[in-house]
Amino acid sequence: MRNWDKLAEDKTIQATAKAIEARGIEVFVVDTKGEALRKIKALIPKGSEVMNGTSTTLQQIGYSDYLKAGEHGWIDLHEKIGKEDNREKRSGLRRQASAAEYFLGSVNAISQNGELVAADASGSRVTAYPFAAKHVILVAGAQKIMPNLEKAMQRVREYVFPLENERAKKVYGSGSNTSKWVIIEKESVPGRMKLILIKEKLGF
């Protein structure tokens, strides 16, 4: 079985970060999950609308708990959605939230050539990445770096999907699938998309 969870060497991390930046995406390489959370806090001005997709990485760095604590000074769209009891209205709010001022999430794999790969079942997580959100902040552990795009997609199918499928069964009572894919090859809007790349194994 392939080792899809091996932390990339520092020289590979730095070279990959450079390749990503050449595609119009700003990269912040940090050593720890604590540094990643501090960087997020610094990047988002108080009073900004904030939404995030489901992300094990965001949970592990402490972002989810920080958001729930309510001391951030942001407009938490996730909280607003959660307060809506009507299912149809709640679904509409989720669609609107994909165009949030700041949308946070993660990716499932990164190629050394600089492509970012993400997939999920409904598309609610990846919808914001290509266009909808005004600003996108992605957070990922450096174990997600793969040699090329083919290996990055293979990582999603062979390693990420089985883990996400099991998580979905426990949380939602039904399995997942990789029906909606997004591959970010380039960001044309300066400053819109940022990646915080952490030198730790985080997420899957």
N, C-alpha and C. Protein backbone atom coordinates (compact mmCIF):
# COMPACT_ATOMS: atom_id res chain seq x y z
N MET A 1 0.84 -1.20 0.00
CA MET A 1 0.00 0.00 0.00
C MET A 1 0.87 1.25 0.00
N ARG A 2 0.52 2.21 -0.84
CA ARG A 2 1.30 3.44 -0.94
C ARG A 2 1.22 4.24 0.36
N ASN A 3 2.31 4.96 0.65
CA ASN A 3 2.31 5.84 1.81
C ASN A 3 1.83 7.22 1.37
N TRP A 4 0.53 7.46 1.49
CA TRP A 4 -0.07 8.72 1.07
C TRP A 4 0.03 9.77 2.16
N ASP A 5 0.60 9.43 3.31
CA ASP A 5 0.56 10.31 4.47
C ASP A 5 1.96 10.68 4.97
N LYS A 6 2.94 10.60 4.09
CA LYS A 6 4.31 10.91 4.48
C LYS A 6 4.56 12.41 4.38
N LEU A 7 5.07 12.99 5.44
CA LEU A 7 5.34 14.42 5.46
C LEU A 7 6.45 14.76 4.48
N ALA A 8 6.22 15.75 3.64
CA ALA A 8 7.22 16.15 2.63
C ALA A 8 8.45 16.75 3.29
N GLU A 9 9.59 16.57 2.66
CA GLU A 9 10.83 17.17 3.15
C GLU A 9 10.77 18.69 2.98
N ASP A 10 11.56 19.37 3.77
CA ASP A 10 11.52 20.84 3.77
C ASP A 10 11.81 21.43 2.39
N LYS A 11 12.79 20.86 1.68
CA LYS A 11 13.13 21.40 0.37
C LYS A 11 11.97 21.21 -0.62
N THR A 12 11.23 20.12 -0.46
CA THR A 12 10.06 19.88 -1.31
C THR A 12 8.94 20.85 -0.97
N ILE A 13 8.76 21.11 0.31
CA ILE A 13 7.74 22.07 0.75
C ILE A 13 8.03 23.45 0.17
N GLN A 14 9.28 23.87 0.28
CA GLN A 14 9.65 25.20 -0.21
C GLN A 14 9.51 25.30 -1.73
N ALA A 15 9.91 24.26 -2.43
CA ALA A 15 9.81 24.26 -3.89
C ALA A 15 8.34 24.25 -4.34
N THR A 16 7.52 23.50 -3.62
CA THR A 16 6.09 23.44 -3.95
C THR A 16 5.43 24.78 -3.68
N ALA A 17 5.79 25.41 -2.57
CA ALA A 17 5.24 26.73 -2.24
C ALA A 17 5.56 27.74 -3.35
N LYS A 18 6.78 27.66 -3.86
CA LYS A 18 7.20 28.56 -4.94
C LYS A 18 6.39 28.30 -6.20
N ALA A 19 6.13 27.02 -6.50
CA ALA A 19 5.35 26.66 -7.68
C ALA A 19 3.90 27.14 -7.55
N ILE A 20 3.36 27.06 -6.35
CA ILE A 20 1.99 27.52 -6.11
C ILE A 20 1.91 29.04 -6.28
N GLU A 21 2.88 29.74 -5.74
CA GLU A 21 2.88 31.20 -5.85
C GLU A 21 3.00 31.65 -7.29
N ALA A 22 3.69 30.86 -8.12
CA ALA A 22 3.81 31.19 -9.54
C ALA A 22 2.47 31.10 -10.25
N ARG A 23 1.50 30.47 -9.59
CA ARG A 23 0.16 30.32 -10.14
C ARG A 23 -0.81 31.36 -9.57
N GLY A 24 -0.28 32.37 -8.91
CA GLY A 24 -1.11 33.47 -8.43
C GLY A 24 -1.72 33.27 -7.06
N ILE A 25 -1.24 32.28 -6.31
CA ILE A 25 -1.77 31.97 -4.98
C ILE A 25 -0.69 32.28 -3.95
N GLU A 26 -1.02 33.13 -2.99
CA GLU A 26 -0.06 33.48 -1.96
C GLU A 26 0.08 32.33 -0.97
N VAL A 27 1.31 32.00 -0.60
CA VAL A 27 1.56 30.87 0.29
C VAL A 27 2.28 31.32 1.55
N PHE A 28 1.81 30.82 2.68
CA PHE A 28 2.47 31.04 3.96
C PHE A 28 2.88 29.67 4.50
N VAL A 29 4.16 29.42 4.59
CA VAL A 29 4.66 28.16 5.14
C VAL A 29 4.90 28.36 6.63
N VAL A 30 4.25 27.54 7.46
CA VAL A 30 4.40 27.65 8.91
C VAL A 30 4.79 26.30 9.48
N ASP A 31 5.37 26.33 10.67
CA ASP A 31 5.86 25.09 11.29
C ASP A 31 4.79 24.32 12.04
N THR A 32 3.84 25.02 12.64
CA THR A 32 2.88 24.36 13.52
C THR A 32 1.44 24.79 13.26
N LYS A 33 0.51 24.01 13.78
CA LYS A 33 -0.91 24.34 13.64
C LYS A 33 -1.26 25.60 14.42
N GLY A 34 -0.53 25.85 15.51
CA GLY A 34 -0.76 27.08 16.25
C GLY A 34 -0.42 28.31 15.43
N GLU A 35 0.67 28.22 14.69
CA GLU A 35 1.06 29.33 13.81
C GLU A 35 0.03 29.53 12.70
N ALA A 36 -0.53 28.43 12.24
CA ALA A 36 -1.54 28.51 11.18
C ALA A 36 -2.77 29.27 11.67
N LEU A 37 -3.22 28.98 12.87
CA LEU A 37 -4.39 29.66 13.42
C LEU A 37 -4.09 31.15 13.63
N ARG A 38 -2.91 31.46 14.10
CA ARG A 38 -2.54 32.87 14.28
C ARG A 38 -2.51 33.62 12.95
N LYS A 39 -2.07 32.93 11.91
CA LYS A 39 -2.03 33.55 10.58
C LYS A 39 -3.45 33.84 10.08
N ILE A 40 -4.37 32.92 10.30
CA ILE A 40 -5.76 33.14 9.91
C ILE A 40 -6.31 34.37 10.62
N LYS A 41 -6.07 34.45 11.91
CA LYS A 41 -6.56 35.59 12.69
C LYS A 41 -6.02 36.91 12.14
N ALA A 42 -4.78 36.88 11.69
CA ALA A 42 -4.14 38.09 11.18
C ALA A 42 -4.66 38.47 9.79
N LEU A 43 -5.08 37.48 9.03
CA LEU A 43 -5.50 37.71 7.64
C LEU A 43 -6.92 38.25 7.51
N ILE A 44 -7.77 37.95 8.48
CA ILE A 44 -9.19 38.33 8.37
C ILE A 44 -9.51 39.53 9.26
N PRO A 45 -9.85 40.66 8.68
CA PRO A 45 -10.18 41.86 9.46
C PRO A 45 -11.47 41.68 10.26
N LYS A 46 -11.54 42.32 11.39
CA LYS A 46 -12.76 42.28 12.20
C LYS A 46 -13.90 42.91 11.40
N GLY A 47 -15.10 42.36 11.58
CA GLY A 47 -16.26 42.84 10.86
C GLY A 47 -16.48 42.15 9.53
N SER A 48 -15.57 41.25 9.13
CA SER A 48 -15.69 40.55 7.85
C SER A 48 -16.66 39.37 7.96
N GLU A 49 -17.34 39.09 6.84
CA GLU A 49 -18.17 37.89 6.75
C GLU A 49 -17.26 36.67 6.59
N VAL A 50 -17.53 35.65 7.39
CA VAL A 50 -16.69 34.46 7.36
C VAL A 50 -17.55 33.20 7.24
N MET A 51 -17.13 32.32 6.33
CA MET A 51 -17.78 31.01 6.17
C MET A 51 -16.68 29.99 5.95
N ASN A 52 -16.96 28.75 6.31
CA ASN A 52 -15.97 27.70 6.06
C ASN A 52 -16.65 26.41 5.64
N GLY A 53 -15.93 25.62 4.87
CA GLY A 53 -16.38 24.30 4.50
C GLY A 53 -15.98 23.31 5.57
N THR A 54 -16.58 22.14 5.54
CA THR A 54 -16.21 21.09 6.50
C THR A 54 -14.74 20.72 6.29
N SER A 55 -13.97 20.74 7.37
CA SER A 55 -12.54 20.50 7.23
C SER A 55 -11.96 19.95 8.52
N THR A 56 -11.41 18.74 8.46
CA THR A 56 -10.73 18.16 9.60
C THR A 56 -9.53 19.01 9.98
N THR A 57 -8.85 19.56 8.99
CA THR A 57 -7.68 20.40 9.25
C THR A 57 -8.05 21.63 10.06
N LEU A 58 -9.13 22.31 9.69
CA LEU A 58 -9.56 23.50 10.43
C LEU A 58 -9.92 23.13 11.87
N GLN A 59 -10.50 21.97 12.06
CA GLN A 59 -10.80 21.51 13.42
C GLN A 59 -9.52 21.27 14.20
N GLN A 60 -8.55 20.62 13.57
CA GLN A 60 -7.32 20.25 14.27
C GLN A 60 -6.45 21.45 14.65
N ILE A 61 -6.50 22.52 13.87
CA ILE A 61 -5.67 23.68 14.22
C ILE A 61 -6.36 24.58 15.25
N GLY A 62 -7.60 24.26 15.61
CA GLY A 62 -8.32 25.03 16.61
C GLY A 62 -9.21 26.11 16.06
N TYR A 63 -9.33 26.19 14.74
CA TYR A 63 -10.15 27.24 14.14
C TYR A 63 -11.64 27.08 14.49
N SER A 64 -12.14 25.87 14.41
CA SER A 64 -13.56 25.63 14.67
C SER A 64 -13.95 26.05 16.08
N ASP A 65 -13.11 25.69 17.06
CA ASP A 65 -13.38 26.08 18.44
C ASP A 65 -13.28 27.59 18.62
N TYR A 66 -12.31 28.19 17.96
CA TYR A 66 -12.13 29.64 18.04
C TYR A 66 -13.35 30.36 17.48
N LEU A 67 -13.88 29.84 16.37
CA LEU A 67 -15.05 30.46 15.75
C LEU A 67 -16.27 30.35 16.66
N LYS A 68 -16.46 29.17 17.26
CA LYS A 68 -17.60 28.95 18.14
C LYS A 68 -17.53 29.81 19.40
N ALA A 69 -16.33 30.12 19.84
CA ALA A 69 -16.16 30.92 21.06
C ALA A 69 -16.74 32.32 20.89
N GLY A 70 -16.78 32.81 19.65
CA GLY A 70 -17.43 34.08 19.35
C GLY A 70 -16.69 35.33 19.74
N GLU A 71 -15.39 35.22 19.96
CA GLU A 71 -14.60 36.38 20.37
C GLU A 71 -13.74 36.94 19.23
N HIS A 72 -14.05 36.54 18.01
CA HIS A 72 -13.23 36.88 16.86
C HIS A 72 -13.57 38.23 16.24
N GLY A 73 -14.79 38.70 16.43
CA GLY A 73 -15.20 39.97 15.84
C GLY A 73 -15.61 39.87 14.39
N TRP A 74 -15.79 38.64 13.88
CA TRP A 74 -16.22 38.42 12.50
C TRP A 74 -17.73 38.18 12.45
N ILE A 75 -18.30 38.25 11.27
CA ILE A 75 -19.70 37.89 11.06
C ILE A 75 -19.72 36.42 10.66
N ASP A 76 -20.13 35.57 11.58
CA ASP A 76 -20.08 34.12 11.38
C ASP A 76 -21.32 33.64 10.64
N LEU A 77 -21.20 33.41 9.34
CA LEU A 77 -22.33 32.97 8.53
C LEU A 77 -22.74 31.54 8.87
N HIS A 78 -21.79 30.74 9.32
CA HIS A 78 -22.09 29.37 9.72
C HIS A 78 -23.08 29.37 10.88
N GLU A 79 -22.90 30.26 11.82
CA GLU A 79 -23.80 30.37 12.97
C GLU A 79 -25.19 30.80 12.52
N LYS A 80 -25.23 31.74 11.60
CA LYS A 80 -26.50 32.23 11.07
C LYS A 80 -27.28 31.11 10.39
N ILE A 81 -26.59 30.30 9.63
CA ILE A 81 -27.23 29.17 8.94
C ILE A 81 -27.77 28.16 9.94
N GLY A 82 -26.99 27.91 10.98
CA GLY A 82 -27.39 26.93 11.99
C GLY A 82 -28.64 27.32 12.76
N LYS A 83 -28.92 28.61 12.83
CA LYS A 83 -30.09 29.09 13.56
C LYS A 83 -31.38 29.01 12.75
N GLU A 84 -31.25 28.75 11.44
CA GLU A 84 -32.43 28.67 10.58
C GLU A 84 -33.03 27.26 10.64
N ASP A 85 -34.28 27.17 11.08
CA ASP A 85 -34.95 25.88 11.23
C ASP A 85 -35.54 25.33 9.93
N ASN A 86 -35.93 26.24 9.04
CA ASN A 86 -36.54 25.81 7.79
C ASN A 86 -35.46 25.23 6.86
N ARG A 87 -35.65 24.00 6.45
CA ARG A 87 -34.63 23.30 5.66
C ARG A 87 -34.35 23.99 4.33
N GLU A 88 -35.41 24.42 3.65
CA GLU A 88 -35.24 25.07 2.35
C GLU A 88 -34.52 26.41 2.49
N LYS A 89 -34.89 27.17 3.51
CA LYS A 89 -34.23 28.46 3.73
C LYS A 89 -32.77 28.25 4.13
N ARG A 90 -32.54 27.23 4.94
CA ARG A 90 -31.17 26.94 5.37
C ARG A 90 -30.29 26.58 4.18
N SER A 91 -30.85 25.82 3.24
CA SER A 91 -30.12 25.46 2.03
C SER A 91 -29.79 26.72 1.21
N GLY A 92 -30.75 27.64 1.15
CA GLY A 92 -30.52 28.89 0.42
C GLY A 92 -29.43 29.73 1.06
N LEU A 93 -29.42 29.75 2.37
CA LEU A 93 -28.38 30.51 3.09
C LEU A 93 -27.00 29.91 2.85
N ARG A 94 -26.93 28.59 2.77
CA ARG A 94 -25.65 27.92 2.50
C ARG A 94 -25.12 28.31 1.12
N ARG A 95 -26.03 28.39 0.15
CA ARG A 95 -25.61 28.79 -1.20
C ARG A 95 -25.09 30.23 -1.19
N GLN A 96 -25.81 31.09 -0.49
CA GLN A 96 -25.37 32.48 -0.40
C GLN A 96 -24.01 32.59 0.30
N ALA A 97 -23.81 31.75 1.30
CA ALA A 97 -22.58 31.81 2.08
C ALA A 97 -21.34 31.40 1.29
N SER A 98 -21.55 30.68 0.19
CA SER A 98 -20.40 30.31 -0.63
C SER A 98 -19.76 31.54 -1.27
N ALA A 99 -20.51 32.64 -1.28
CA ALA A 99 -19.98 33.90 -1.80
C ALA A 99 -19.57 34.83 -0.66
N ALA A 100 -19.20 34.26 0.47
CA ALA A 100 -18.79 35.04 1.64
C ALA A 100 -17.57 35.90 1.33
N GLU A 101 -17.39 36.92 2.14
CA GLU A 101 -16.21 37.78 1.97
C GLU A 101 -14.93 36.98 2.19
N TYR A 102 -14.96 36.10 3.19
CA TYR A 102 -13.83 35.19 3.45
C TYR A 102 -14.36 33.77 3.60
N PHE A 103 -13.85 32.86 2.80
CA PHE A 103 -14.24 31.46 2.88
C PHE A 103 -13.00 30.63 3.19
N LEU A 104 -13.10 29.79 4.21
CA LEU A 104 -11.96 28.98 4.63
C LEU A 104 -12.23 27.50 4.37
N GLY A 105 -11.17 26.77 4.08
CA GLY A 105 -11.31 25.35 3.85
C GLY A 105 -9.94 24.71 3.70
N SER A 106 -9.93 23.53 3.11
CA SER A 106 -8.67 22.83 2.89
C SER A 106 -8.70 22.19 1.50
N VAL A 107 -7.65 21.50 1.16
CA VAL A 107 -7.59 20.73 -0.07
C VAL A 107 -7.18 19.32 0.28
N ASN A 108 -7.45 18.39 -0.62
CA ASN A 108 -7.14 16.98 -0.36
C ASN A 108 -5.76 16.57 -0.84
N ALA A 109 -5.21 17.34 -1.78
CA ALA A 109 -3.89 17.02 -2.30
C ALA A 109 -3.31 18.23 -3.01
N ILE A 110 -1.98 18.25 -3.07
CA ILE A 110 -1.25 19.34 -3.72
C ILE A 110 -0.15 18.73 -4.57
N SER A 111 -0.05 19.14 -5.82
CA SER A 111 1.04 18.63 -6.65
C SER A 111 2.28 19.50 -6.47
N GLN A 112 3.43 18.91 -6.68
CA GLN A 112 4.67 19.68 -6.60
C GLN A 112 4.74 20.73 -7.70
N ASN A 113 3.89 20.58 -8.71
CA ASN A 113 3.81 21.58 -9.78
C ASN A 113 2.95 22.77 -9.40
N GLY A 114 2.28 22.68 -8.25
CA GLY A 114 1.51 23.81 -7.75
C GLY A 114 0.01 23.72 -7.89
N GLU A 115 -0.52 22.61 -8.42
CA GLU A 115 -1.97 22.46 -8.53
C GLU A 115 -2.57 22.04 -7.18
N LEU A 116 -3.74 22.62 -6.87
CA LEU A 116 -4.45 22.28 -5.64
C LEU A 116 -5.68 21.46 -6.01
N VAL A 117 -5.90 20.35 -5.31
CA VAL A 117 -6.97 19.42 -5.65
C VAL A 117 -7.91 19.23 -4.46
N ALA A 118 -9.21 19.37 -4.71
CA ALA A 118 -10.21 19.15 -3.67
C ALA A 118 -11.43 18.48 -4.28
N ALA A 119 -12.05 17.58 -3.51
CA ALA A 119 -13.25 16.89 -3.98
C ALA A 119 -14.18 16.66 -2.82
N ASP A 120 -15.49 16.68 -3.08
CA ASP A 120 -16.46 16.25 -2.08
C ASP A 120 -17.75 15.80 -2.75
N ALA A 121 -18.70 15.36 -1.95
CA ALA A 121 -19.91 14.76 -2.49
C ALA A 121 -20.89 15.79 -3.03
N SER A 122 -21.24 16.78 -2.21
CA SER A 122 -22.28 17.74 -2.60
C SER A 122 -21.74 18.93 -3.39
N GLY A 123 -20.48 19.26 -3.18
CA GLY A 123 -19.90 20.45 -3.81
C GLY A 123 -20.02 21.68 -2.95
N SER A 124 -20.65 21.57 -1.77
CA SER A 124 -20.84 22.74 -0.91
C SER A 124 -19.51 23.29 -0.40
N ARG A 125 -18.51 22.42 -0.25
CA ARG A 125 -17.21 22.87 0.26
C ARG A 125 -16.38 23.53 -0.84
N VAL A 126 -16.41 22.94 -2.03
CA VAL A 126 -15.51 23.41 -3.08
C VAL A 126 -16.12 24.51 -3.95
N THR A 127 -17.42 24.76 -3.81
CA THR A 127 -18.09 25.76 -4.64
C THR A 127 -17.44 27.13 -4.54
N ALA A 128 -17.03 27.49 -3.35
CA ALA A 128 -16.49 28.83 -3.11
C ALA A 128 -15.11 29.03 -3.71
N TYR A 129 -14.36 27.97 -3.86
CA TYR A 129 -12.95 28.09 -4.24
C TYR A 129 -12.72 28.75 -5.61
N PRO A 130 -13.37 28.29 -6.68
CA PRO A 130 -13.03 28.83 -8.00
C PRO A 130 -13.42 30.29 -8.22
N PHE A 131 -14.60 30.70 -7.66
CA PHE A 131 -15.09 32.03 -8.02
C PHE A 131 -15.93 32.72 -6.95
N ALA A 132 -16.83 31.98 -6.31
CA ALA A 132 -17.89 32.59 -5.50
C ALA A 132 -17.39 33.50 -4.39
N ALA A 133 -16.48 33.00 -3.56
CA ALA A 133 -16.01 33.78 -2.41
C ALA A 133 -15.08 34.92 -2.85
N LYS A 134 -15.16 36.03 -2.13
CA LYS A 134 -14.29 37.16 -2.45
C LYS A 134 -12.84 36.85 -2.09
N HIS A 135 -12.65 36.22 -0.93
CA HIS A 135 -11.32 35.79 -0.49
C HIS A 135 -11.39 34.33 -0.08
N VAL A 136 -10.37 33.55 -0.42
CA VAL A 136 -10.32 32.15 -0.04
C VAL A 136 -9.02 31.89 0.72
N ILE A 137 -9.16 31.30 1.91
CA ILE A 137 -7.99 30.91 2.71
C ILE A 137 -8.03 29.40 2.89
N LEU A 138 -7.05 28.73 2.33
CA LEU A 138 -6.95 27.28 2.41
C LEU A 138 -5.83 26.90 3.37
N VAL A 139 -6.06 25.84 4.13
CA VAL A 139 -5.07 25.39 5.11
C VAL A 139 -4.82 23.90 4.88
N ALA A 140 -3.54 23.50 4.80
CA ALA A 140 -3.24 22.10 4.51
C ALA A 140 -1.94 21.66 5.14
N GLY A 141 -1.92 20.42 5.58
CA GLY A 141 -0.69 19.81 6.07
C GLY A 141 0.20 19.41 4.90
N ALA A 142 1.51 19.44 5.12
CA ALA A 142 2.46 19.20 4.04
C ALA A 142 2.54 17.74 3.61
N GLN A 143 1.85 16.84 4.32
CA GLN A 143 1.81 15.44 3.87
C GLN A 143 0.95 15.27 2.63
N LYS A 144 0.21 16.32 2.27
CA LYS A 144 -0.67 16.25 1.10
C LYS A 144 0.06 16.55 -0.21
N ILE A 145 1.33 16.89 -0.14
CA ILE A 145 2.11 17.18 -1.34
C ILE A 145 2.46 15.89 -2.07
N MET A 146 2.10 15.84 -3.35
CA MET A 146 2.36 14.69 -4.20
C MET A 146 3.24 15.10 -5.39
N PRO A 147 3.92 14.16 -6.02
CA PRO A 147 4.84 14.50 -7.11
C PRO A 147 4.21 15.23 -8.28
N ASN A 148 2.96 14.88 -8.63
CA ASN A 148 2.32 15.49 -9.79
C ASN A 148 0.79 15.43 -9.63
N LEU A 149 0.08 15.97 -10.61
CA LEU A 149 -1.38 16.03 -10.53
C LEU A 149 -2.00 14.63 -10.55
N GLU A 150 -1.46 13.74 -11.34
CA GLU A 150 -1.98 12.38 -11.40
C GLU A 150 -1.92 11.71 -10.03
N LYS A 151 -0.78 11.83 -9.35
CA LYS A 151 -0.63 11.24 -8.02
C LYS A 151 -1.51 11.95 -7.01
N ALA A 152 -1.70 13.26 -7.19
CA ALA A 152 -2.56 14.01 -6.28
C ALA A 152 -4.00 13.49 -6.35
N MET A 153 -4.48 13.26 -7.56
CA MET A 153 -5.84 12.74 -7.73
C MET A 153 -5.94 11.29 -7.25
N GLN A 154 -4.87 10.55 -7.46
CA GLN A 154 -4.84 9.17 -6.98
C GLN A 154 -4.89 9.13 -5.45
N ARG A 155 -4.22 10.08 -4.82
CA ARG A 155 -4.26 10.18 -3.36
C ARG A 155 -5.69 10.36 -2.87
N VAL A 156 -6.45 11.21 -3.57
CA VAL A 156 -7.83 11.46 -3.18
C VAL A 156 -8.66 10.17 -3.28
N ARG A 157 -8.51 9.47 -4.38
CA ARG A 157 -9.31 8.26 -4.62
C ARG A 157 -8.94 7.11 -3.68
N GLU A 158 -7.65 6.89 -3.49
CA GLU A 158 -7.19 5.71 -2.77
C GLU A 158 -7.03 5.92 -1.27
N TYR A 159 -6.78 7.15 -0.85
CA TYR A 159 -6.51 7.39 0.56
C TYR A 159 -7.55 8.29 1.23
N VAL A 160 -7.83 9.44 0.63
CA VAL A 160 -8.74 10.40 1.25
C VAL A 160 -10.18 9.89 1.27
N PHE A 161 -10.64 9.38 0.13
CA PHE A 161 -12.04 8.96 0.05
C PHE A 161 -12.43 7.91 1.09
N PRO A 162 -11.67 6.84 1.26
CA PRO A 162 -12.06 5.86 2.28
C PRO A 162 -12.19 6.47 3.68
N LEU A 163 -11.29 7.38 4.02
CA LEU A 163 -11.34 8.02 5.33
C LEU A 163 -12.54 8.95 5.45
N GLU A 164 -12.80 9.72 4.41
CA GLU A 164 -13.95 10.62 4.41
C GLU A 164 -15.25 9.84 4.40
N ASN A 165 -15.27 8.73 3.71
CA ASN A 165 -16.46 7.90 3.65
C ASN A 165 -16.84 7.39 5.04
N GLU A 166 -15.85 6.95 5.79
CA GLU A 166 -16.09 6.47 7.15
C GLU A 166 -16.52 7.62 8.07
N ARG A 167 -15.90 8.78 7.90
CA ARG A 167 -16.28 9.94 8.72
C ARG A 167 -17.73 10.32 8.44
N ALA A 168 -18.11 10.34 7.17
CA ALA A 168 -19.47 10.72 6.79
C ALA A 168 -20.50 9.75 7.37
N LYS A 169 -20.18 8.47 7.38
CA LYS A 169 -21.10 7.47 7.93
C LYS A 169 -21.35 7.73 9.41
N LYS A 170 -20.29 8.09 10.14
CA LYS A 170 -20.42 8.34 11.57
C LYS A 170 -21.17 9.63 11.85
N VAL A 171 -20.89 10.66 11.05
CA VAL A 171 -21.47 11.99 11.31
C VAL A 171 -22.87 12.13 10.71
N TYR A 172 -23.03 11.69 9.46
CA TYR A 172 -24.29 11.91 8.74
C TYR A 172 -25.17 10.66 8.61
N GLY A 173 -24.61 9.50 8.92
CA GLY A 173 -25.37 8.27 8.79
C GLY A 173 -25.38 7.68 7.40
N SER A 174 -24.64 8.28 6.48
CA SER A 174 -24.53 7.76 5.11
C SER A 174 -23.14 8.06 4.56
N GLY A 175 -22.71 7.28 3.59
CA GLY A 175 -21.37 7.42 3.04
C GLY A 175 -21.20 8.64 2.15
N SER A 176 -19.98 8.84 1.69
CA SER A 176 -19.65 9.98 0.83
C SER A 176 -19.27 9.48 -0.56
N ASN A 177 -18.91 10.40 -1.43
CA ASN A 177 -18.35 10.05 -2.74
C ASN A 177 -17.59 11.25 -3.29
N THR A 178 -16.86 11.03 -4.35
CA THR A 178 -16.04 12.10 -4.94
C THR A 178 -16.71 12.65 -6.19
N SER A 179 -17.95 13.07 -6.06
CA SER A 179 -18.72 13.48 -7.24
C SER A 179 -18.36 14.86 -7.76
N LYS A 180 -17.86 15.74 -6.90
CA LYS A 180 -17.55 17.12 -7.32
C LYS A 180 -16.07 17.41 -7.07
N TRP A 181 -15.35 17.72 -8.13
CA TRP A 181 -13.90 17.98 -8.04
C TRP A 181 -13.61 19.43 -8.42
N VAL A 182 -12.60 19.99 -7.77
CA VAL A 182 -12.06 21.28 -8.17
C VAL A 182 -10.54 21.16 -8.23
N ILE A 183 -9.97 21.58 -9.34
CA ILE A 183 -8.52 21.64 -9.49
C ILE A 183 -8.14 23.10 -9.74
N ILE A 184 -7.42 23.68 -8.82
CA ILE A 184 -6.99 25.07 -8.96
C ILE A 184 -5.62 25.08 -9.64
N GLU A 185 -5.59 25.51 -10.88
CA GLU A 185 -4.32 25.61 -11.61
C GLU A 185 -3.75 27.02 -11.55
N LYS A 186 -4.66 28.00 -11.38
CA LYS A 186 -4.19 29.39 -11.36
C LYS A 186 -5.27 30.28 -10.75
N GLU A 187 -4.85 31.30 -10.04
CA GLU A 187 -5.76 32.34 -9.54
C GLU A 187 -5.41 33.64 -10.24
N SER A 188 -6.39 34.20 -10.94
CA SER A 188 -6.14 35.39 -11.75
C SER A 188 -6.39 36.70 -11.00
N VAL A 189 -7.07 36.63 -9.85
CA VAL A 189 -7.34 37.84 -9.07
C VAL A 189 -6.26 37.99 -7.99
N PRO A 190 -5.42 38.99 -8.10
CA PRO A 190 -4.32 39.17 -7.14
C PRO A 190 -4.82 39.25 -5.70
N GLY A 191 -4.22 38.45 -4.83
CA GLY A 191 -4.54 38.51 -3.41
C GLY A 191 -5.80 37.77 -3.00
N ARG A 192 -6.52 37.19 -3.95
CA ARG A 192 -7.79 36.54 -3.60
C ARG A 192 -7.59 35.22 -2.85
N MET A 193 -6.68 34.39 -3.32
CA MET A 193 -6.52 33.06 -2.74
C MET A 193 -5.19 32.93 -2.01
N LYS A 194 -5.27 32.35 -0.81
CA LYS A 194 -4.08 32.13 0.01
C LYS A 194 -4.05 30.70 0.52
N LEU A 195 -2.87 30.14 0.64
CA LEU A 195 -2.70 28.80 1.18
C LEU A 195 -1.74 28.86 2.36
N ILE A 196 -2.19 28.36 3.50
CA ILE A 196 -1.31 28.21 4.66
C ILE A 196 -0.86 26.76 4.68
N LEU A 197 0.42 26.54 4.42
CA LEU A 197 0.99 25.19 4.30
C LEU A 197 1.75 24.88 5.59
N ILE A 198 1.30 23.85 6.29
CA ILE A 198 1.83 23.54 7.61
C ILE A 198 2.76 22.34 7.56
N LYS A 199 3.90 22.45 8.22
CA LYS A 199 4.87 21.36 8.27
C LYS A 199 4.50 20.32 9.31
N GLU A 200 3.24 19.91 9.29
CA GLU A 200 2.73 18.87 10.18
C GLU A 200 1.73 18.02 9.42
N LYS A 201 1.50 16.80 9.90
CA LYS A 201 0.46 15.95 9.32
C LYS A 201 -0.88 16.37 9.91
N LEU A 202 -1.69 17.00 9.10
CA LEU A 202 -3.01 17.47 9.54
C LEU A 202 -4.05 17.15 8.48
N GLY A 203 -5.24 16.78 8.93
CA GLY A 203 -6.29 16.44 7.99
C GLY A 203 -5.96 15.16 7.24
N PHE A 204 -6.78 14.88 6.23
CA PHE A 204 -6.51 13.73 5.36
C PHE A 204 -6.95 14.01 3.95
